[in-house]
Amino acid sequence: MPRTATGIVEAESELLEVKAEDFARLLERNQGLLEVVADIVSARNEKNKSFLEKIKELSAKDIERSCSKRSILKRLKSLIGISA
């Protein structure tokens, strides 16, 4: 699924990158963590559901526009300065 994220820090912070293979090993060694991570991701996705639906809707509109001869002509005319 598409992911966007914004982070706001209130104090000087240090960010760490956890590589996928390291995260997989951590999950393998801590089976209970699988449930915790699944709960967190599920809750976040549920919270972002309407946003994700909006992304899907916009993507469908973009695909439709990119296939429309009328839309393409309008954009090309705009590009070269011809009134649509």
N, C-alpha and C. Protein backbone atom coordinates (compact mmCIF):
# COMPACT_ATOMS: atom_id res chain seq x y z
N MET A 1 0.84 -1.18 0.00
CA MET A 1 0.00 0.00 0.00
C MET A 1 0.89 1.24 0.00
N PRO A 2 0.37 2.31 -0.57
CA PRO A 2 1.15 3.54 -0.55
C PRO A 2 1.38 4.00 0.89
N ARG A 3 2.52 4.56 1.12
CA ARG A 3 2.82 5.06 2.46
C ARG A 3 3.31 6.48 2.37
N THR A 4 2.77 7.31 3.21
CA THR A 4 3.29 8.65 3.40
C THR A 4 3.45 8.83 4.89
N ALA A 5 4.39 9.64 5.26
CA ALA A 5 4.61 9.84 6.68
C ALA A 5 5.16 11.24 6.91
N THR A 6 4.77 11.80 8.01
CA THR A 6 5.30 13.07 8.45
C THR A 6 5.74 12.89 9.88
N GLY A 7 6.92 13.34 10.15
CA GLY A 7 7.42 13.25 11.52
C GLY A 7 7.70 14.64 12.05
N ILE A 8 7.31 14.88 13.27
CA ILE A 8 7.58 16.16 13.92
C ILE A 8 8.31 15.86 15.22
N VAL A 9 9.45 16.45 15.39
CA VAL A 9 10.20 16.25 16.62
C VAL A 9 10.21 17.54 17.42
N GLU A 10 10.17 17.39 18.72
CA GLU A 10 10.17 18.56 19.59
C GLU A 10 11.54 18.85 20.17
N ALA A 11 12.46 17.93 20.00
CA ALA A 11 13.81 18.10 20.51
C ALA A 11 14.78 17.44 19.54
N GLU A 12 16.05 17.75 19.70
CA GLU A 12 17.05 17.12 18.85
C GLU A 12 16.91 15.61 18.95
N SER A 13 16.90 14.94 17.79
CA SER A 13 16.65 13.50 17.76
C SER A 13 17.62 12.80 16.84
N GLU A 14 17.72 11.51 17.02
CA GLU A 14 18.52 10.68 16.14
C GLU A 14 17.62 9.61 15.56
N LEU A 15 17.62 9.47 14.24
CA LEU A 15 16.81 8.46 13.57
C LEU A 15 17.68 7.28 13.20
N LEU A 16 17.11 6.11 13.32
CA LEU A 16 17.82 4.89 12.95
C LEU A 16 17.06 4.19 11.84
N GLU A 17 17.80 3.66 10.88
CA GLU A 17 17.19 2.86 9.81
C GLU A 17 17.35 1.39 10.17
N VAL A 18 16.25 0.66 10.10
CA VAL A 18 16.29 -0.78 10.35
C VAL A 18 16.05 -1.46 9.01
N LYS A 19 17.04 -2.18 8.54
CA LYS A 19 16.92 -2.86 7.25
C LYS A 19 15.91 -4.01 7.35
N ALA A 20 15.26 -4.30 6.24
CA ALA A 20 14.20 -5.32 6.20
C ALA A 20 14.67 -6.66 6.74
N GLU A 21 15.87 -7.08 6.35
CA GLU A 21 16.34 -8.39 6.81
C GLU A 21 16.60 -8.42 8.32
N ASP A 22 17.04 -7.29 8.86
CA ASP A 22 17.24 -7.21 10.31
C ASP A 22 15.90 -7.23 11.05
N PHE A 23 14.93 -6.53 10.49
CA PHE A 23 13.60 -6.50 11.09
C PHE A 23 12.98 -7.90 11.06
N ALA A 24 13.18 -8.60 9.94
CA ALA A 24 12.67 -9.97 9.81
C ALA A 24 13.28 -10.88 10.88
N ARG A 25 14.59 -10.75 11.10
CA ARG A 25 15.24 -11.57 12.13
C ARG A 25 14.70 -11.24 13.52
N LEU A 26 14.45 -9.95 13.78
CA LEU A 26 13.88 -9.54 15.07
C LEU A 26 12.51 -10.17 15.27
N LEU A 27 11.68 -10.13 14.25
CA LEU A 27 10.35 -10.73 14.33
C LEU A 27 10.42 -12.24 14.52
N GLU A 28 11.38 -12.86 13.85
CA GLU A 28 11.53 -14.31 13.96
C GLU A 28 11.91 -14.72 15.39
N ARG A 29 12.74 -13.91 16.02
CA ARG A 29 13.19 -14.23 17.39
C ARG A 29 12.17 -13.83 18.45
N ASN A 30 11.25 -12.94 18.09
CA ASN A 30 10.25 -12.44 19.04
C ASN A 30 8.86 -12.57 18.44
N GLN A 31 8.34 -13.79 18.43
CA GLN A 31 7.06 -14.09 17.80
C GLN A 31 5.92 -13.20 18.32
N GLY A 32 5.93 -12.84 19.60
CA GLY A 32 4.88 -11.98 20.15
C GLY A 32 4.88 -10.61 19.52
N LEU A 33 6.03 -10.19 19.02
CA LEU A 33 6.14 -8.89 18.37
C LEU A 33 5.34 -8.84 17.07
N LEU A 34 5.18 -10.01 16.42
CA LEU A 34 4.38 -10.07 15.19
C LEU A 34 2.97 -9.54 15.42
N GLU A 35 2.35 -9.99 16.52
CA GLU A 35 0.98 -9.54 16.84
C GLU A 35 0.95 -8.04 17.13
N VAL A 36 1.94 -7.56 17.86
CA VAL A 36 1.99 -6.14 18.20
C VAL A 36 2.12 -5.29 16.94
N VAL A 37 3.04 -5.67 16.07
CA VAL A 37 3.24 -4.92 14.83
C VAL A 37 1.98 -4.98 13.95
N ALA A 38 1.36 -6.16 13.86
CA ALA A 38 0.14 -6.30 13.06
C ALA A 38 -0.97 -5.40 13.61
N ASP A 39 -1.10 -5.33 14.94
CA ASP A 39 -2.10 -4.46 15.56
C ASP A 39 -1.85 -2.99 15.23
N ILE A 40 -0.60 -2.58 15.33
CA ILE A 40 -0.25 -1.17 15.07
C ILE A 40 -0.51 -0.81 13.62
N VAL A 41 -0.05 -1.66 12.70
CA VAL A 41 -0.22 -1.38 11.27
C VAL A 41 -1.71 -1.39 10.89
N SER A 42 -2.45 -2.35 11.42
CA SER A 42 -3.88 -2.43 11.14
C SER A 42 -4.61 -1.18 11.63
N ALA A 43 -4.31 -0.74 12.84
CA ALA A 43 -4.95 0.45 13.40
C ALA A 43 -4.60 1.69 12.57
N ARG A 44 -3.34 1.80 12.16
CA ARG A 44 -2.93 2.95 11.37
C ARG A 44 -3.62 2.93 10.00
N ASN A 45 -3.67 1.76 9.37
CA ASN A 45 -4.33 1.66 8.07
C ASN A 45 -5.82 1.96 8.16
N GLU A 46 -6.44 1.51 9.23
CA GLU A 46 -7.87 1.80 9.44
C GLU A 46 -8.07 3.31 9.57
N LYS A 47 -7.19 3.94 10.31
CA LYS A 47 -7.26 5.40 10.51
C LYS A 47 -7.06 6.13 9.17
N ASN A 48 -6.20 5.60 8.33
CA ASN A 48 -5.88 6.25 7.05
C ASN A 48 -6.72 5.75 5.88
N LYS A 49 -7.71 4.93 6.17
CA LYS A 49 -8.52 4.30 5.11
C LYS A 49 -9.09 5.31 4.11
N SER A 50 -9.69 6.39 4.61
CA SER A 50 -10.29 7.36 3.70
C SER A 50 -9.23 8.05 2.85
N PHE A 51 -8.07 8.29 3.43
CA PHE A 51 -6.97 8.89 2.67
C PHE A 51 -6.50 7.93 1.57
N LEU A 52 -6.39 6.66 1.91
CA LEU A 52 -5.96 5.66 0.93
C LEU A 52 -6.99 5.53 -0.20
N GLU A 53 -8.27 5.61 0.14
CA GLU A 53 -9.33 5.57 -0.88
C GLU A 53 -9.22 6.78 -1.80
N LYS A 54 -8.90 7.95 -1.24
CA LYS A 54 -8.75 9.16 -2.04
C LYS A 54 -7.59 9.01 -3.02
N ILE A 55 -6.49 8.43 -2.56
CA ILE A 55 -5.33 8.19 -3.43
C ILE A 55 -5.74 7.29 -4.60
N LYS A 56 -6.48 6.22 -4.28
CA LYS A 56 -6.94 5.29 -5.30
C LYS A 56 -7.83 6.00 -6.32
N GLU A 57 -8.74 6.83 -5.83
CA GLU A 57 -9.65 7.58 -6.70
C GLU A 57 -8.87 8.53 -7.60
N LEU A 58 -7.93 9.25 -7.03
CA LEU A 58 -7.14 10.18 -7.83
C LEU A 58 -6.31 9.44 -8.87
N SER A 59 -5.76 8.31 -8.49
CA SER A 59 -4.97 7.53 -9.44
C SER A 59 -5.83 7.06 -10.60
N ALA A 60 -7.05 6.63 -10.32
CA ALA A 60 -7.97 6.19 -11.38
C ALA A 60 -8.28 7.35 -12.31
N LYS A 61 -8.49 8.55 -11.76
CA LYS A 61 -8.77 9.72 -12.59
C LYS A 61 -7.56 10.05 -13.47
N ASP A 62 -6.35 9.96 -12.90
CA ASP A 62 -5.15 10.25 -13.67
C ASP A 62 -4.99 9.27 -14.82
N ILE A 63 -5.27 8.00 -14.58
CA ILE A 63 -5.18 6.99 -15.64
C ILE A 63 -6.18 7.29 -16.74
N GLU A 64 -7.41 7.62 -16.34
CA GLU A 64 -8.45 7.94 -17.32
C GLU A 64 -8.04 9.15 -18.15
N ARG A 65 -7.53 10.19 -17.49
CA ARG A 65 -7.11 11.40 -18.20
C ARG A 65 -5.96 11.12 -19.15
N SER A 66 -5.03 10.26 -18.74
CA SER A 66 -3.86 9.99 -19.59
C SER A 66 -4.24 9.19 -20.83
N CYS A 67 -5.41 8.57 -20.85
CA CYS A 67 -5.87 7.79 -22.01
C CYS A 67 -6.84 8.56 -22.89
N SER A 68 -7.27 9.71 -22.43
CA SER A 68 -8.27 10.49 -23.15
C SER A 68 -7.60 11.39 -24.20
N LYS A 69 -7.98 11.17 -25.46
CA LYS A 69 -7.42 11.99 -26.55
C LYS A 69 -7.71 13.46 -26.29
N ARG A 70 -8.91 13.76 -25.85
CA ARG A 70 -9.31 15.16 -25.59
C ARG A 70 -8.41 15.78 -24.52
N SER A 71 -8.16 15.06 -23.46
CA SER A 71 -7.32 15.54 -22.38
C SER A 71 -5.88 15.75 -22.85
N ILE A 72 -5.39 14.81 -23.66
CA ILE A 72 -4.02 14.91 -24.17
C ILE A 72 -3.89 16.11 -25.09
N LEU A 73 -4.86 16.31 -25.98
CA LEU A 73 -4.83 17.47 -26.88
C LEU A 73 -4.83 18.77 -26.08
N LYS A 74 -5.66 18.82 -25.06
CA LYS A 74 -5.74 20.03 -24.22
C LYS A 74 -4.39 20.33 -23.57
N ARG A 75 -3.75 19.30 -23.04
CA ARG A 75 -2.45 19.50 -22.40
C ARG A 75 -1.38 19.89 -23.41
N LEU A 76 -1.39 19.27 -24.60
CA LEU A 76 -0.41 19.61 -25.63
C LEU A 76 -0.60 21.04 -26.12
N LYS A 77 -1.85 21.45 -26.33
CA LYS A 77 -2.12 22.82 -26.75
C LYS A 77 -1.67 23.82 -25.70
N SER A 78 -1.90 23.49 -24.44
CA SER A 78 -1.46 24.33 -23.35
C SER A 78 0.06 24.46 -23.33
N LEU A 79 0.72 23.35 -23.59
CA LEU A 79 2.17 23.31 -23.59
C LEU A 79 2.76 24.25 -24.62
N ILE A 80 2.13 24.31 -25.80
CA ILE A 80 2.69 25.15 -26.87
C ILE A 80 2.00 26.51 -26.98
N GLY A 81 1.11 26.81 -26.02
CA GLY A 81 0.52 28.14 -25.95
C GLY A 81 -0.70 28.37 -26.81
N ILE A 82 -1.40 27.32 -27.21
CA ILE A 82 -2.63 27.44 -28.00
C ILE A 82 -3.80 27.38 -27.04
N SER A 83 -4.78 28.28 -27.21
CA SER A 83 -5.97 28.26 -26.37
C SER A 83 -6.72 26.95 -26.58
N ALA A 84 -7.20 26.40 -25.49
CA ALA A 84 -7.89 25.12 -25.57
C ALA A 84 -9.24 25.23 -26.04
